[in-house]
Structure formats: C-alpha cells, structure tokens
Amino acid sequence: MSHIYALVNQKGGVGKTTTTINLGAYLASSGKRVLLIDTDPQANATSCLGVDKRKVEGGVYSVLIDDSPVPANILHNPKLKLDLLPSLPALAGGEVELVSRQAREGRLKNALAKVTREYDYILIDCPPGLGLLTLNALVAAHGVIIPVQCEYLALEGLGQLISTINRVRSSLNPTLAIRGLLMTMYDSRASLANQVVEEVRRHFPGKAFNAVIPRSVRLAEAPSHGQPISTYAPSSTGGIAYRALADEVLTADDGRAQPHFTAKTSTKG
C-alpha cells in the first residue's frame, strides 16, 4: 500500500521542505520506493536536491495545469534511490490558472492515481498558505505531517489549519488524517523550546511524533550541497533525529503502533 503524506503548515520557515527531503531520503535508504513532490513555487525541495529549478521543464506545473502524466515529469536520483516531481517558478502563476480548471481541487489526486502502486511513500512538500496548491495536496493525501517550530507562538495558526483539514475531510477527502505533529528547530538549552514541546503535546495528546528535530548547523548546510542529511552528515544531531523520525514512521505504518489520527482536535489561535 502506498502512503501519501502532505507536509503542511501555512507558516513559512518551520521545516516543511527540510522534513520532506530528509524523511524521504531515509525512507529510501530503508529500501522503500519514494516519490517526493514539490508543490511550492519557490521550488526549495527541488533546489535542495541539486536540481536547478530554472532548468526544470514541465514538472508539477505541467501535471496540474496541462494534464501531463506524472512519469513524464519525474526526475530520478540514482544516488539517493528516490524520485522527484520538481517544481519551478512558473507554478506561482499556476495557482491562479487552477481556479478555472475543472475539478481543480482534485487534479493532483487524479494525476497520482496511475502511479501510486509504484511507490511505498509519496511525500508532498506544500507551500506556506492554504491555497489551491496546498488544497490539492490535502485532497491527494492519506495523512498530514505538520512541522511545528519550537518557538514563541508555535500554536498560532494551527487552529486554522486543523479547521481546513476537517473541511477537506468532510467534503473532499474523508480518509484524510493527521499523521502527526513534528517539533522542529528544537534547542535543548532554551527553556522556551521545552515549554513549546510540552504545550503542543498537551493540546494534541498522542499526536506528536516522539522524534524531535534539533537546530543543527549540518541541517542548514546540507541543502547548499544539494544533499539530504542522510548523505551529508548522517551522524550529526539532525541526521540522527531524522533517522529516528523515519524509523518511527516505518514502525507505525507497518502496523506495530497506533494508526493515523483523525483531525478532530482544535486549538485557539
């Protein structure tokens, strides 16, 4: 069975792209067939894997706007043994073009229907915001992974995101669930970071991953080398943390842990 996860948070800079890349790389290194989909017009996931976004032809834009088949737009990374459906700057205008398309919310889901059996995991990196690109990811996904930055006002906006997930579940994708909240940019020396972790776990009992992603120089450096942390610095604190996240995901998805969570919890802000 293919697991399709959208990495979503309308706030920028919380670790969506970093998590998509590094979780995907570790899943692939575990022998899983992995497809990463970059739906952010900034194309950071594309660039972080060493692909020049200025030279991308087609990519996810052609899939969503021109009905181009997914396989024709996939780039394969033989070193990492994973596939990428890249983004490009033209996708910024694609969200506007989607407005007039028929069944606009389900175009990514329909496009992926023909390739899901070829992958164990499909991870969708979403742009900040809750527009049509993110909505397409939520309609296509089985679960949502929400990176939450360990800083002040971490829960701000989560209520709106949970409400959006609930609306998608009720009208467009009844199987959509919260796969888990991932605490990112954690600094053990800061008391605030510990308070944020405790607060998130109090508001969302049982829904936060055990793995916590630390602030890491190596994690910050890896994208400039076009590599995930699994190949750039696997023994770093960031590498160990993302390895732990991948193991946690694999353990749960193999049926030895709790199933996906439904999106019923809400919080203020």
Protein backbone atom coordinates (compact mmCIF):
# COMPACT_ATOMS: atom_id res chain seq x y z
CA MET A 1 0.00 0.00 0.00
CA SER A 2 1.26 3.46 -0.87
CA HIS A 3 1.31 6.05 1.91
CA ILE A 4 0.75 9.61 0.69
CA TYR A 5 1.66 12.31 3.18
CA ALA A 6 1.32 16.07 2.74
CA LEU A 7 3.70 18.20 4.80
CA VAL A 8 1.67 21.26 5.65
CA ASN A 9 1.84 24.41 7.74
CA GLN A 10 0.65 27.76 6.48
CA LYS A 11 3.57 29.39 8.30
CA GLY A 12 6.83 29.55 6.39
CA GLY A 13 10.22 28.59 7.75
CA VAL A 14 9.05 25.79 10.04
CA GLY A 15 10.85 22.91 8.35
CA LYS A 16 8.41 21.53 5.78
CA THR A 17 10.95 21.24 2.98
CA THR A 18 13.74 20.04 5.26
CA THR A 19 11.47 17.33 6.61
CA THR A 20 10.19 16.28 3.19
CA ILE A 21 13.70 15.83 1.84
CA ASN A 22 15.28 14.16 4.85
CA LEU A 23 12.37 11.91 5.75
CA GLY A 24 12.14 10.88 2.09
CA ALA A 25 15.86 10.16 1.87
CA TYR A 26 15.85 7.98 4.98
CA LEU A 27 12.76 6.10 3.84
CA ALA A 28 14.51 5.44 0.51
CA SER A 29 17.68 4.29 2.27
CA SER A 30 15.50 1.79 4.14
CA GLY A 31 14.56 0.21 0.84
CA LYS A 32 11.25 1.97 0.30
CA ARG A 33 10.21 3.29 -3.10
CA VAL A 34 9.81 7.03 -2.56
CA LEU A 35 8.45 9.91 -4.64
CA LEU A 36 8.88 13.49 -3.46
CA ILE A 37 6.53 16.11 -4.91
CA ASP A 38 7.44 19.78 -4.74
CA THR A 39 4.27 21.91 -4.93
CA ASP A 40 5.90 25.11 -3.70
CA PRO A 41 6.57 27.73 -6.42
CA GLN A 42 9.77 28.63 -4.55
CA ALA A 43 10.95 25.14 -5.55
CA ASN A 44 13.16 24.77 -2.50
CA ALA A 45 12.81 21.00 -2.31
CA THR A 46 13.84 20.84 -5.95
CA SER A 47 16.89 23.04 -5.39
CA CYS A 48 17.90 21.28 -2.18
CA LEU A 49 18.24 18.04 -4.10
CA GLY A 50 20.69 19.64 -6.50
CA VAL A 51 18.24 20.38 -9.33
CA ASP A 52 18.42 23.80 -11.00
CA LYS A 53 14.80 24.97 -10.83
CA ARG A 54 15.46 27.38 -13.72
CA LYS A 55 16.09 24.43 -16.00
CA VAL A 56 13.06 22.36 -15.00
CA GLU A 57 10.73 21.77 -17.92
CA GLY A 58 7.20 20.82 -17.04
CA GLY A 59 7.40 19.36 -13.56
CA VAL A 60 4.42 19.57 -11.27
CA TYR A 61 3.19 22.63 -13.21
CA SER A 62 2.61 20.54 -16.34
CA VAL A 63 0.94 17.82 -14.30
CA LEU A 64 -1.53 20.21 -12.65
CA ILE A 65 -2.15 22.65 -15.48
CA ASP A 66 -1.54 20.73 -18.71
CA ASP A 67 -2.64 17.22 -17.65
CA SER A 68 0.83 15.91 -18.44
CA PRO A 69 1.37 12.40 -17.00
CA VAL A 70 3.40 12.18 -13.81
CA PRO A 71 6.01 9.69 -15.13
CA ALA A 72 6.95 12.05 -17.96
CA ASN A 73 7.92 14.74 -15.46
CA ILE A 74 9.75 12.73 -12.80
CA LEU A 75 13.45 13.10 -12.17
CA HIS A 76 15.28 10.11 -10.68
CA ASN A 77 18.14 10.46 -8.22
CA PRO A 78 20.16 7.23 -8.50
CA LYS A 79 22.40 8.06 -5.55
CA LEU A 80 19.51 8.55 -3.17
CA LYS A 81 17.31 5.99 -4.94
CA LEU A 82 14.29 8.27 -4.89
CA ASP A 83 12.17 10.13 -7.44
CA LEU A 84 11.28 13.81 -7.57
CA LEU A 85 8.39 15.57 -9.25
CA PRO A 86 10.03 19.01 -9.34
CA SER A 87 8.63 22.49 -9.08
CA LEU A 88 9.58 25.64 -10.96
CA PRO A 89 8.90 29.38 -10.57
CA ALA A 90 6.10 29.26 -13.17
CA LEU A 91 3.99 27.41 -10.62
CA ALA A 92 3.40 30.76 -8.91
CA GLY A 93 1.02 31.59 -11.72
CA GLY A 94 -0.29 28.06 -11.78
CA GLU A 95 -2.36 28.59 -8.67
CA VAL A 96 -4.26 31.33 -10.48
CA GLU A 97 -4.67 29.12 -13.55
CA LEU A 98 -6.07 26.32 -11.39
CA VAL A 99 -9.06 28.47 -10.45
CA SER A 100 -10.64 27.98 -13.88
CA ARG A 101 -9.81 24.27 -14.21
CA GLN A 102 -12.48 21.62 -13.83
CA ALA A 103 -12.27 19.62 -10.57
CA ARG A 104 -9.47 21.95 -9.57
CA GLU A 105 -9.07 20.58 -6.02
CA GLY A 106 -8.54 17.01 -7.18
CA ARG A 107 -6.13 17.40 -10.07
CA LEU A 108 -3.09 16.13 -8.18
CA LYS A 109 -5.03 13.18 -6.77
CA ASN A 110 -6.23 12.20 -10.23
CA ALA A 111 -2.73 12.53 -11.66
CA LEU A 112 -1.22 10.34 -8.94
CA ALA A 113 -3.84 7.60 -9.29
CA LYS A 114 -1.86 5.94 -12.08
CA VAL A 115 1.45 5.81 -10.20
CA THR A 116 0.59 5.17 -6.56
CA ARG A 117 1.22 1.44 -6.87
CA GLU A 118 4.78 2.16 -7.96
CA TYR A 119 5.69 3.79 -4.63
CA ASP A 120 5.63 2.89 -0.97
CA TYR A 121 5.73 6.57 0.03
CA ILE A 122 4.72 9.78 -1.69
CA LEU A 123 5.66 12.92 0.25
CA ILE A 124 4.23 16.27 -0.85
CA ASP A 125 6.05 19.45 0.14
CA CYS A 126 3.45 22.22 0.33
CA PRO A 127 3.88 25.98 0.04
CA PRO A 128 3.16 28.24 3.01
CA GLY A 129 -0.50 29.19 2.92
CA LEU A 130 -3.73 27.26 2.43
CA GLY A 131 -4.40 27.99 -1.24
CA LEU A 132 -5.26 25.69 -4.12
CA LEU A 133 -1.81 24.08 -4.29
CA THR A 134 -2.00 23.04 -0.65
CA LEU A 135 -5.62 22.01 -1.11
CA ASN A 136 -4.62 19.72 -3.97
CA ALA A 137 -2.07 18.09 -1.69
CA LEU A 138 -4.64 17.60 1.08
CA VAL A 139 -7.13 16.02 -1.32
CA ALA A 140 -4.46 13.67 -2.67
CA ALA A 141 -3.00 12.68 0.71
CA HIS A 142 -3.85 9.95 3.18
CA GLY A 143 -2.26 11.83 6.05
CA VAL A 144 -0.84 15.18 7.07
CA ILE A 145 2.52 15.75 8.76
CA ILE A 146 2.63 19.16 10.42
CA PRO A 147 6.07 20.58 11.26
CA VAL A 148 5.83 22.89 14.27
CA GLN A 149 8.70 25.23 15.08
CA CYS A 150 9.80 25.20 18.75
CA GLU A 151 9.43 28.94 19.18
CA TYR A 152 7.05 31.51 20.59
CA LEU A 153 3.51 31.38 19.16
CA ALA A 154 4.12 27.87 17.78
CA LEU A 155 0.43 27.06 18.06
CA GLU A 156 -0.65 30.26 16.33
CA GLY A 157 -2.47 29.33 13.16
CA LEU A 158 -2.72 25.62 13.95
CA GLY A 159 -6.39 26.04 14.73
CA GLN A 160 -7.00 27.37 11.21
CA LEU A 161 -5.00 24.51 9.72
CA ILE A 162 -6.93 21.90 11.71
CA SER A 163 -10.20 23.52 10.59
CA THR A 164 -9.04 23.36 6.97
CA ILE A 165 -8.15 19.68 7.35
CA ASN A 166 -11.58 19.00 8.85
CA ARG A 167 -13.31 20.79 5.99
CA VAL A 168 -11.34 18.77 3.45
CA ARG A 169 -12.25 15.57 5.29
CA SER A 170 -15.95 16.44 5.31
CA SER A 171 -16.23 17.49 1.68
CA LEU A 172 -13.35 16.26 -0.46
CA ASN A 173 -11.26 13.56 1.24
CA PRO A 174 -12.99 11.62 4.03
CA THR A 175 -9.92 9.45 4.69
CA LEU A 176 -7.59 12.37 5.40
CA ALA A 177 -5.99 12.18 8.86
CA ILE A 178 -3.32 13.94 10.87
CA ARG A 179 -0.33 11.63 10.67
CA GLY A 180 1.48 13.58 13.35
CA LEU A 181 2.94 16.88 14.52
CA LEU A 182 6.71 17.16 14.27
CA MET A 183 8.58 19.51 16.57
CA THR A 184 11.38 21.23 14.64
CA MET A 185 14.25 23.66 15.35
CA TYR A 186 14.47 22.48 18.93
CA ASP A 187 17.16 23.97 21.16
CA SER A 188 17.54 22.00 24.39
CA ARG A 189 19.31 24.95 26.02
CA ALA A 190 16.24 27.17 25.69
CA SER A 191 13.53 26.72 28.30
CA LEU A 192 11.02 28.13 25.83
CA ALA A 193 11.65 25.23 23.44
CA ASN A 194 10.83 22.73 26.17
CA GLN A 195 7.69 24.66 27.04
CA VAL A 196 6.57 24.63 23.40
CA VAL A 197 7.04 20.87 23.14
CA GLU A 198 5.04 20.36 26.32
CA GLU A 199 2.31 22.73 25.13
CA VAL A 200 1.93 21.02 21.76
CA ARG A 201 1.75 17.60 23.39
CA ARG A 202 -0.82 18.91 25.85
CA HIS A 203 -3.02 20.40 23.10
CA PHE A 204 -2.59 17.35 20.85
CA PRO A 205 -2.22 14.37 23.20
CA GLY A 206 -0.70 11.35 21.49
CA LYS A 207 -0.43 13.15 18.17
CA ALA A 208 3.13 14.46 18.27
CA PHE A 209 5.97 12.34 16.97
CA ASN A 210 8.44 11.16 19.59
CA ALA A 211 11.27 12.31 17.33
CA VAL A 212 12.18 15.98 17.79
CA ILE A 213 14.30 17.77 15.20
CA PRO A 214 17.03 19.98 16.70
CA ARG A 215 18.55 23.15 15.39
CA SER A 216 21.59 21.94 13.50
CA VAL A 217 24.34 23.62 11.54
CA ARG A 218 24.68 20.49 9.42
CA LEU A 219 20.99 20.51 8.56
CA ALA A 220 21.33 24.12 7.44
CA GLU A 221 24.42 23.36 5.36
CA ALA A 222 23.16 20.25 3.56
CA PRO A 223 20.86 22.00 1.03
CA SER A 224 23.73 24.14 -0.28
CA HIS A 225 25.46 20.91 -1.22
CA GLY A 226 22.34 19.51 -2.91
CA GLN A 227 22.16 16.68 -0.40
CA PRO A 228 19.88 15.43 2.37
CA ILE A 229 21.37 15.00 5.82
CA SER A 230 21.47 11.21 5.31
CA THR A 231 24.40 11.60 2.91
CA TYR A 232 25.86 14.93 4.01
CA ALA A 233 26.18 14.34 7.77
CA PRO A 234 24.28 11.24 8.94
CA SER A 235 25.99 11.17 12.34
CA SER A 236 25.05 14.77 13.14
CA THR A 237 22.27 15.52 15.61
CA GLY A 238 19.98 16.40 12.70
CA GLY A 239 20.85 13.19 10.87
CA ILE A 240 20.17 11.07 13.94
CA ALA A 241 16.86 12.87 14.56
CA TYR A 242 15.56 12.37 11.01
CA ARG A 243 16.68 8.73 11.08
CA ALA A 244 14.61 8.35 14.25
CA LEU A 245 11.62 10.01 12.57
CA ALA A 246 11.85 7.65 9.59
CA ASP A 247 12.05 4.64 11.91
CA GLU A 248 9.01 5.92 13.81
CA VAL A 249 7.02 6.36 10.61
CA LEU A 250 8.01 2.93 9.31
CA THR A 251 7.16 1.25 12.61
CA ALA A 252 3.70 2.84 12.72
CA ASP A 253 2.96 2.18 9.06
CA ASP A 254 3.96 -1.46 9.42
CA GLY A 255 1.08 -1.80 11.86
CA ARG A 256 3.06 -2.13 15.06
CA ALA A 257 1.92 1.17 16.50
CA GLN A 258 -1.16 3.35 16.66
CA PRO A 259 -3.00 4.09 13.39
CA HIS A 260 -3.28 7.51 11.82
CA PHE A 261 -5.03 10.14 13.88
CA THR A 262 -8.26 11.79 12.81
CA ALA A 263 -8.35 15.58 12.69
CA LYS A 264 -10.81 16.30 15.49
CA THR A 265 -8.67 18.32 17.84
CA SER A 266 -8.68 22.09 17.57
CA THR A 267 -6.87 24.83 19.40
CA LYS A 268 -7.18 28.59 19.69
CA GLY A 269 -5.06 30.94 17.62
